[in-house]
PDB file of N, CA and C in Angstrom:
ATOM      1  N   MET A   1       0.898  -1.386   0.013  1.00  0.00           N
ATOM      2  CA  MET A   1       0.174   0.249   0.422  1.00  0.00           C
ATOM      3  C   MET A   1       0.973   1.084   0.106  1.00  0.00           C
ATOM      4  N   GLY A   2       0.807   2.475  -0.938  1.00  0.00           N
ATOM      5  CA  GLY A   2       1.129   3.426  -0.406  1.00  0.00           C
ATOM      6  C   GLY A   2       0.867   4.436   0.201  1.00  0.00           C
ATOM      7  N   ILE A   3       1.099   5.956  -0.457  1.00  0.00           N
ATOM      8  CA  ILE A   3       0.859   7.005   0.360  1.00  0.00           C
ATOM      9  C   ILE A   3      -0.399   6.590   0.460  1.00  0.00           C
ATOM     10  N   ALA A   4      -1.041   7.011   0.886  1.00  0.00           N
ATOM     11  CA  ALA A   4      -2.153   7.854   1.435  1.00  0.00           C
ATOM     12  C   ALA A   4      -1.895   9.191   2.129  1.00  0.00           C
ATOM     13  N   ARG A   5      -2.359  10.396   0.933  1.00  0.00           N
ATOM     14  CA  ARG A   5      -2.776  11.890   1.220  1.00  0.00           C
ATOM     15  C   ARG A   5      -4.242  12.389   1.163  1.00  0.00           C
ATOM     16  N   VAL A   6      -4.242  13.174   2.375  1.00  0.00           N
ATOM     17  CA  VAL A   6      -5.463  13.684   3.269  1.00  0.00           C
ATOM     18  C   VAL A   6      -5.125  15.030   4.112  1.00  0.00           C
ATOM     19  N   LEU A   7      -6.064  15.867   3.103  1.00  0.00           N
ATOM     20  CA  LEU A   7      -5.970  16.979   3.605  1.00  0.00           C
ATOM     21  C   LEU A   7      -7.100  17.330   4.316  1.00  0.00           C
ATOM     22  N   LEU A   8      -8.246  17.909   5.668  1.00  0.00           N
ATOM     23  CA  LEU A   8      -9.330  18.162   5.418  1.00  0.00           C
ATOM     24  C   LEU A   8      -9.882  19.655   5.665  1.00  0.00           C
ATOM     25  N   THR A   9     -10.536  19.786   5.413  1.00  0.00           N
ATOM     26  CA  THR A   9     -10.785  21.209   4.644  1.00  0.00           C
ATOM     27  C   THR A   9     -11.874  21.880   5.670  1.00  0.00           C
ATOM     28  N   ALA A  10     -11.717  22.954   5.468  1.00  0.00           N
ATOM     29  CA  ALA A  10     -13.260  23.692   6.239  1.00  0.00           C
ATOM     30  C   ALA A  10     -13.692  25.108   5.545  1.00  0.00           C
ATOM     31  N   SER A  11     -14.544  25.659   5.332  1.00  0.00           N
ATOM     32  CA  SER A  11     -15.031  27.024   5.254  1.00  0.00           C
ATOM     33  C   SER A  11     -14.119  28.269   5.883  1.00  0.00           C
ATOM     34  N   ASP A  12     -13.591  29.812   5.320  1.00  0.00           N
ATOM     35  CA  ASP A  12     -13.363  30.272   5.744  1.00  0.00           C
ATOM     36  C   ASP A  12     -14.487  30.433   6.749  1.00  0.00           C
ATOM     37  N   ALA A  13     -15.439  30.732   6.834  1.00  0.00           N
ATOM     38  CA  ALA A  13     -16.964  30.803   7.722  1.00  0.00           C
ATOM     39  C   ALA A  13     -16.548  29.504   9.163  1.00  0.00           C
ATOM     40  N   THR A  14     -16.219  28.706   8.717  1.00  0.00           N
ATOM     41  CA  THR A  14     -16.134  27.455  10.410  1.00  0.00           C
ATOM     42  C   THR A  14     -14.944  27.375  10.682  1.00  0.00           C
ATOM     43  N   THR A  15     -13.862  28.029   9.531  1.00  0.00           N
ATOM     44  CA  THR A  15     -13.171  28.017  10.058  1.00  0.00           C
ATOM     45  C   THR A  15     -12.777  29.501  11.377  1.00  0.00           C
ATOM     46  N   ARG A  16     -13.226  30.297  11.508  1.00  0.00           N
ATOM     47  CA  ARG A  16     -14.187  30.961  12.201  1.00  0.00           C
ATOM     48  C   ARG A  16     -14.826  31.519  13.183  1.00  0.00           C
ATOM     49  N   GLU A  17     -15.618  29.966  12.752  1.00  0.00           N
ATOM     50  CA  GLU A  17     -16.255  29.573  14.109  1.00  0.00           C
ATOM     51  C   GLU A  17     -16.067  28.593  14.960  1.00  0.00           C
ATOM     52  N   ARG A  18     -14.254  27.693  14.297  1.00  0.00           N
ATOM     53  CA  ARG A  18     -14.375  27.622  15.648  1.00  0.00           C
ATOM     54  C   ARG A  18     -12.561  28.372  15.993  1.00  0.00           C
ATOM     55  N   LEU A  19     -12.435  29.132  15.919  1.00  0.00           N
ATOM     56  CA  LEU A  19     -11.249  29.631  16.296  1.00  0.00           C
ATOM     57  C   LEU A  19     -12.358  30.881  17.703  1.00  0.00           C
ATOM     58  N   GLU A  20     -13.018  31.208  17.219  1.00  0.00           N
ATOM     59  CA  GLU A  20     -14.541  31.948  17.884  1.00  0.00           C
ATOM     60  C   GLU A  20     -13.934  31.136  19.557  1.00  0.00           C
ATOM     61  N   GLY A  21     -14.483  29.688  18.979  1.00  0.00           N
ATOM     62  CA  GLY A  21     -14.697  29.399  19.783  1.00  0.00           C
ATOM     63  C   GLY A  21     -13.295  29.214  21.424  1.00  0.00           C
ATOM     64  N   ARG A  22     -12.271  29.259  20.796  1.00  0.00           N
ATOM     65  CA  ARG A  22     -10.735  28.410  21.598  1.00  0.00           C
ATOM     66  C   ARG A  22     -10.118  30.611  21.389  1.00  0.00           C
ATOM     67  N   GLU A  23     -10.286  31.213  20.573  1.00  0.00           N
ATOM     68  CA  GLU A  23      -9.190  32.093  20.598  1.00  0.00           C
ATOM     69  C   GLU A  23     -10.307  33.227  21.713  1.00  0.00           C
ATOM     70  N   LEU A  24      -8.838  33.852  22.222  1.00  0.00           N
ATOM     71  CA  LEU A  24     -10.144  35.111  23.375  1.00  0.00           C
ATOM     72  C   LEU A  24      -9.198  36.894  22.687  1.00  0.00           C
ATOM     73  N   GLY A  25     -10.315  37.628  22.686  1.00  0.00           N
ATOM     74  CA  GLY A  25      -9.789  38.478  22.265  1.00  0.00           C
ATOM     75  C   GLY A  25      -8.726  39.422  21.245  1.00  0.00           C
ATOM     76  N   SER A  26      -7.618  39.561  20.895  1.00  0.00           N
ATOM     77  CA  SER A  26      -7.094  40.323  20.210  1.00  0.00           C
ATOM     78  C   SER A  26      -6.318  39.259  19.306  1.00  0.00           C
ATOM     79  N   GLU A  27      -5.890  37.709  20.279  1.00  0.00           N
ATOM     80  CA  GLU A  27      -5.514  36.645  19.317  1.00  0.00           C
ATOM     81  C   GLU A  27      -6.539  36.625  18.667  1.00  0.00           C
ATOM     82  N   LEU A  28      -7.813  36.408  18.594  1.00  0.00           N
ATOM     83  CA  LEU A  28      -8.561  35.510  17.498  1.00  0.00           C
ATOM     84  C   LEU A  28      -8.485  35.855  16.167  1.00  0.00           C
ATOM     85  N   GLU A  29      -8.301  37.974  15.721  1.00  0.00           N
ATOM     86  CA  GLU A  29      -7.979  37.887  14.567  1.00  0.00           C
ATOM     87  C   GLU A  29      -6.050  37.569  14.125  1.00  0.00           C
ATOM     88  N   GLN A  30      -5.748  37.408  15.005  1.00  0.00           N
ATOM     89  CA  GLN A  30      -4.373  37.039  14.207  1.00  0.00           C
ATOM     90  C   GLN A  30      -4.315  35.656  13.952  1.00  0.00           C
ATOM     91  N   GLU A  31      -5.211  34.403  14.897  1.00  0.00           N
ATOM     92  CA  GLU A  31      -4.645  33.389  14.636  1.00  0.00           C
ATOM     93  C   GLU A  31      -6.098  32.568  12.965  1.00  0.00           C
ATOM     94  N   LEU A  32      -7.122  33.734  13.158  1.00  0.00           N
ATOM     95  CA  LEU A  32      -7.855  33.826  12.060  1.00  0.00           C
ATOM     96  C   LEU A  32      -7.185  33.659  10.720  1.00  0.00           C
ATOM     97  N   ALA A  33      -6.215  35.339  10.527  1.00  0.00           N
ATOM     98  CA  ALA A  33      -5.645  35.364   9.383  1.00  0.00           C
ATOM     99  C   ALA A  33      -4.410  34.092   8.838  1.00  0.00           C
ATOM    100  N   ALA A  34      -3.733  33.929  10.484  1.00  0.00           N
ATOM    101  CA  ALA A  34      -2.522  32.655  10.211  1.00  0.00           C
ATOM    102  C   ALA A  34      -3.438  31.627   9.336  1.00  0.00           C
ATOM    103  N   SER A  35      -4.302  31.189  10.350  1.00  0.00           N
ATOM    104  CA  SER A  35      -4.874  29.767  10.188  1.00  0.00           C
ATOM    105  C   SER A  35      -5.620  29.762   8.552  1.00  0.00           C
ATOM    106  N   LEU A  36      -6.230  30.851   8.266  1.00  0.00           N
ATOM    107  CA  LEU A  36      -6.875  31.270   6.666  1.00  0.00           C
ATOM    108  C   LEU A  36      -5.601  30.750   5.623  1.00  0.00           C
ATOM    109  N   ARG A  37      -4.533  31.698   6.146  1.00  0.00           N
ATOM    110  CA  ARG A  37      -3.156  31.646   5.164  1.00  0.00           C
ATOM    111  C   ARG A  37      -2.624  30.171   4.910  1.00  0.00           C
ATOM    112  N   GLU A  38      -2.352  29.126   5.997  1.00  0.00           N
ATOM    113  CA  GLU A  38      -2.124  27.916   5.717  1.00  0.00           C
ATOM    114  C   GLU A  38      -3.101  27.260   5.458  1.00  0.00           C
ATOM    115  N   ALA A  39      -3.722  27.596   5.494  1.00  0.00           N
ATOM    116  CA  ALA A  39      -4.658  27.182   4.971  1.00  0.00           C
ATOM    117  C   ALA A  39      -4.788  27.018   3.442  1.00  0.00           C
ATOM    118  N   ARG A  40      -4.558  27.789   2.922  1.00  0.00           N
ATOM    119  CA  ARG A  40      -4.502  28.485   1.487  1.00  0.00           C
ATOM    120  C   ARG A  40      -2.861  27.090   0.994  1.00  0.00           C
ATOM    121  N   LEU A  41      -2.007  27.759   1.685  1.00  0.00           N
ATOM    122  CA  LEU A  41      -0.659  27.434   1.404  1.00  0.00           C
ATOM    123  C   LEU A  41      -0.788  25.656   1.266  1.00  0.00           C
ATOM    124  N   LEU A  42      -1.614  25.508   2.114  1.00  0.00           N
ATOM    125  CA  LEU A  42      -1.440  23.767   2.393  1.00  0.00           C
ATOM    126  C   LEU A  42      -2.403  23.389   1.286  1.00  0.00           C
ATOM    127  N   ASP A  43      -3.415  23.905   0.682  1.00  0.00           N
ATOM    128  CA  ASP A  43      -4.300  23.716  -0.393  1.00  0.00           C
ATOM    129  C   ASP A  43      -3.474  23.938  -2.107  1.00  0.00           C
ATOM    130  N   LEU A  44      -2.377  25.218  -2.186  1.00  0.00           N
ATOM    131  CA  LEU A  44      -1.924  25.226  -3.036  1.00  0.00           C
ATOM    132  C   LEU A  44      -1.049  24.023  -3.586  1.00  0.00           C
ATOM    133  N   ARG A  45      -0.135  23.636  -2.357  1.00  0.00           N
ATOM    134  CA  ARG A  45       0.963  22.890  -1.921  1.00  0.00           C
ATOM    135  C   ARG A  45       1.253  21.378  -1.864  1.00  0.00           C
ATOM    136  N   ALA A  46      -0.880  21.023  -1.930  1.00  0.00           N
ATOM    137  CA  ALA A  46      -0.759  19.991  -1.350  1.00  0.00           C
ATOM    138  C   ALA A  46      -0.179  18.781  -2.268  1.00  0.00           C
ATOM    139  N   HIS A  47      -0.145  17.614  -2.825  1.00  0.00           N
ATOM    140  CA  HIS A  47       0.168  16.351  -3.760  1.00  0.00           C
ATOM    141  C   HIS A  47      -1.490  16.886  -4.586  1.00  0.00           C
ATOM    142  N   VAL A  48      -1.290  16.486  -5.375  1.00  0.00           N
ATOM    143  CA  VAL A  48      -1.798  16.392  -6.617  1.00  0.00           C
ATOM    144  C   VAL A  48      -2.990  15.503  -6.291  1.00  0.00           C
ATOM    145  N   ASN A  49      -2.772  14.320  -5.684  1.00  0.00           N
ATOM    146  CA  ASN A  49      -2.809  13.059  -6.058  1.00  0.00           C
ATOM    147  C   ASN A  49      -3.511  13.133  -4.241  1.00  0.00           C
ATOM    148  N   THR A  50      -4.117  13.679  -3.467  1.00  0.00           N
ATOM    149  CA  THR A  50      -4.444  14.378  -1.807  1.00  0.00           C
ATOM    150  C   THR A  50      -5.370  14.876  -2.328  1.00  0.00           C
ATOM    151  N   VAL A  51      -6.442  13.512  -1.235  1.00  0.00           N
ATOM    152  CA  VAL A  51      -7.982  13.580  -1.135  1.00  0.00           C
ATOM    153  C   VAL A  51      -8.619  14.647  -0.552  1.00  0.00           C
ATOM    154  N   ARG A  52      -9.064  15.732  -0.488  1.00  0.00           N
ATOM    155  CA  ARG A  52      -9.631  16.269   0.134  1.00  0.00           C
ATOM    156  C   ARG A  52     -10.790  16.219   1.336  1.00  0.00           C
ATOM    157  N   VAL A  53     -11.374  16.117   1.976  1.00  0.00           N
ATOM    158  CA  VAL A  53     -12.458  16.020   2.882  1.00  0.00           C
ATOM    159  C   VAL A  53     -12.697  17.151   4.094  1.00  0.00           C
ATOM    160  N   ALA A  54     -13.777  17.789   2.983  1.00  0.00           N
ATOM    161  CA  ALA A  54     -14.650  18.446   3.909  1.00  0.00           C
ATOM    162  C   ALA A  54     -15.736  18.513   4.928  1.00  0.00           C
ATOM    163  N   THR A  55     -15.172  19.130   6.313  1.00  0.00           N
ATOM    164  CA  THR A  55     -15.609  19.452   7.657  1.00  0.00           C
ATOM    165  C   THR A  55     -16.476  20.027   7.969  1.00  0.00           C
ATOM    166  N   ASP A  56     -17.150  20.720   7.565  1.00  0.00           N
ATOM    167  CA  ASP A  56     -18.183  21.518   7.722  1.00  0.00           C
ATOM    168  C   ASP A  56     -19.327  21.182   8.126  1.00  0.00           C
ATOM    169  N   GLY A  57     -19.641  20.791   8.954  1.00  0.00           N
ATOM    170  CA  GLY A  57     -21.345  20.700   9.278  1.00  0.00           C
ATOM    171  C   GLY A  57     -21.472  19.441   9.610  1.00  0.00           C
ATOM    172  N   ARG A  58     -19.750  18.129   9.945  1.00  0.00           N
ATOM    173  CA  ARG A  58     -20.246  16.852   9.878  1.00  0.00           C
ATOM    174  C   ARG A  58     -19.787  16.635  10.779  1.00  0.00           C
ATOM    175  N   LEU A  59     -20.568  15.397  11.176  1.00  0.00           N
ATOM    176  CA  LEU A  59     -19.905  14.643  12.591  1.00  0.00           C
ATOM    177  C   LEU A  59     -18.428  13.856  12.405  1.00  0.00           C
ATOM    178  N   VAL A  60     -18.091  13.908  13.950  1.00  0.00           N
ATOM    179  CA  VAL A  60     -16.338  13.504  13.789  1.00  0.00           C
ATOM    180  C   VAL A  60     -15.583  12.033  13.295  1.00  0.00           C
ATOM    181  N   THR A  61     -17.196  11.138  13.097  1.00  0.00           N
ATOM    182  CA  THR A  61     -16.790   9.530  12.978  1.00  0.00           C
ATOM    183  C   THR A  61     -17.765  10.029  11.559  1.00  0.00           C
ATOM    184  N   ASP A  62     -18.395  10.808  11.095  1.00  0.00           N
ATOM    185  CA  ASP A  62     -18.799  11.088   9.338  1.00  0.00           C
ATOM    186  C   ASP A  62     -17.433  11.322   8.468  1.00  0.00           C
ATOM    187  N   ILE A  63     -16.729  12.400   9.533  1.00  0.00           N
ATOM    188  CA  ILE A  63     -15.252  12.343   8.357  1.00  0.00           C
ATOM    189  C   ILE A  63     -13.965  11.331   8.453  1.00  0.00           C
ATOM    190  N   ALA A  64     -14.059  10.719   9.479  1.00  0.00           N
ATOM    191  CA  ALA A  64     -12.838   9.414  10.005  1.00  0.00           C
ATOM    192  C   ALA A  64     -13.634   8.315   9.074  1.00  0.00           C
ATOM    193  N   ARG A  65     -14.838   8.283   8.685  1.00  0.00           N
ATOM    194  CA  ARG A  65     -14.885   6.891   7.722  1.00  0.00           C
ATOM    195  C   ARG A  65     -14.784   7.864   6.265  1.00  0.00           C
ATOM    196  N   GLU A  66     -14.996   8.903   5.960  1.00  0.00           N
ATOM    197  CA  GLU A  66     -14.147   9.233   4.773  1.00  0.00           C
ATOM    198  C   GLU A  66     -12.330   9.052   4.586  1.00  0.00           C
ATOM    199  N   VAL A  67     -12.179   9.555   5.501  1.00  0.00           N
ATOM    200  CA  VAL A  67     -11.153   9.175   5.514  1.00  0.00           C
ATOM    201  C   VAL A  67     -10.864   7.816   5.347  1.00  0.00           C
ATOM    202  N   ILE A  68     -10.922   6.684   6.189  1.00  0.00           N
ATOM    203  CA  ILE A  68     -10.588   5.228   5.845  1.00  0.00           C
ATOM    204  C   ILE A  68     -10.802   5.411   4.370  1.00  0.00           C
ATOM    205  N   ALA A  69     -11.538   5.758   3.637  1.00  0.00           N
ATOM    206  CA  ALA A  69     -12.063   5.176   2.499  1.00  0.00           C
ATOM    207  C   ALA A  69     -11.322   5.334   1.790  1.00  0.00           C
ATOM    208  N   ALA A  70     -10.928   7.037   2.278  1.00  0.00           N
ATOM    209  CA  ALA A  70      -9.970   7.847   1.444  1.00  0.00           C
ATOM    210  C   ALA A  70      -8.235   6.740   1.237  1.00  0.00           C
ATOM    211  N   THR A  71      -8.441   6.466   2.463  1.00  0.00           N
ATOM    212  CA  THR A  71      -6.796   5.610   2.917  1.00  0.00           C
ATOM    213  C   THR A  71      -6.810   3.887   2.547  1.00  0.00           C
ATOM    214  N   GLY A  72      -8.085   4.008   2.239  1.00  0.00           N
ATOM    215  CA  GLY A  72      -8.001   2.867   1.962  1.00  0.00           C
ATOM    216  C   GLY A  72      -7.548   1.509   3.161  1.00  0.00           C
ATOM    217  N   TRP A  73      -7.893   2.015   4.738  1.00  0.00           N
ATOM    218  CA  TRP A  73      -7.318   0.910   5.362  1.00  0.00           C
ATOM    219  C   TRP A  73      -8.693   0.827   6.064  1.00  0.00           C
ATOM    220  N   THR A  74      -8.403  -0.590   6.122  1.00  0.00           N
ATOM    221  CA  THR A  74      -9.902  -1.226   6.485  1.00  0.00           C
ATOM    222  C   THR A  74      -9.613  -1.915   8.564  1.00  0.00           C
ATOM    223  N   GLY A  75      -8.736  -1.796   9.127  1.00  0.00           N
ATOM    224  CA  GLY A  75      -8.251  -1.809  10.307  1.00  0.00           C
ATOM    225  C   GLY A  75      -8.270  -3.213  10.807  1.00  0.00           C
ATOM    226  N   LEU A  76      -8.242  -3.688   9.659  1.00  0.00           N
ATOM    227  CA  LEU A  76      -7.552  -5.363   9.660  1.00  0.00           C
ATOM    228  C   LEU A  76      -6.431  -5.818   9.478  1.00  0.00           C
ATOM    229  N   HIS A  77      -5.426  -6.478  10.728  1.00  0.00           N
ATOM    230  CA  HIS A  77      -3.981  -6.758  10.282  1.00  0.00           C
ATOM    231  C   HIS A  77      -4.143  -7.471  10.417  1.00  0.00           C
ATOM    232  N   PRO A  78      -2.915  -8.569   9.931  1.00  0.00           N
ATOM    233  CA  PRO A  78      -2.451  -9.293   9.155  1.00  0.00           C
ATOM    234  C   PRO A  78      -2.791 -10.864   9.714  1.00  0.00           C
ATOM    235  N   ALA A  79      -2.672 -11.614  10.055  1.00  0.00           N
ATOM    236  CA  ALA A  79      -2.672 -12.661  11.574  1.00  0.00           C
ATOM    237  C   ALA A  79      -1.711 -12.541  11.459  1.00  0.00           C
ATOM    238  N   GLY A  80      -1.513 -12.310  13.350  1.00  0.00           N
ATOM    239  CA  GLY A  80      -0.081 -12.371  13.823  1.00  0.00           C
ATOM    240  C   GLY A  80       0.766 -11.170  13.971  1.00  0.00           C
ATOM    241  N   ARG A  81      -0.311 -10.066  13.886  1.00  0.00           N
ATOM    242  CA  ARG A  81       0.630  -8.298  13.899  1.00  0.00           C
ATOM    243  C   ARG A  81      -0.247  -7.159  14.721  1.00  0.00           C
ATOM    244  N   ALA A  82      -0.050  -7.016  15.175  1.00  0.00           N
ATOM    245  CA  ALA A  82      -1.338  -5.908  16.188  1.00  0.00           C
ATOM    246  C   ALA A  82      -0.851  -4.766  14.569  1.00  0.00           C
TER     247      ALA A  82
END
């Protein structure tokens, strides 16, 4: 099995909402600007075969299922291996 690349994405609005729940005061705008800048760089520099998984408004379990499907990982191990 080769390398599986998965990039979790969120809209700018979702990113703002999530950061508002974590950051206080003047740090919010600074963190938001940095987060948006980094997201753009990740998107531009991601390998051509990178699978993008949107996280907006989704349950963690649904996101995890999509990531597992994208990677081909089943969680099954050969006999005698963990």
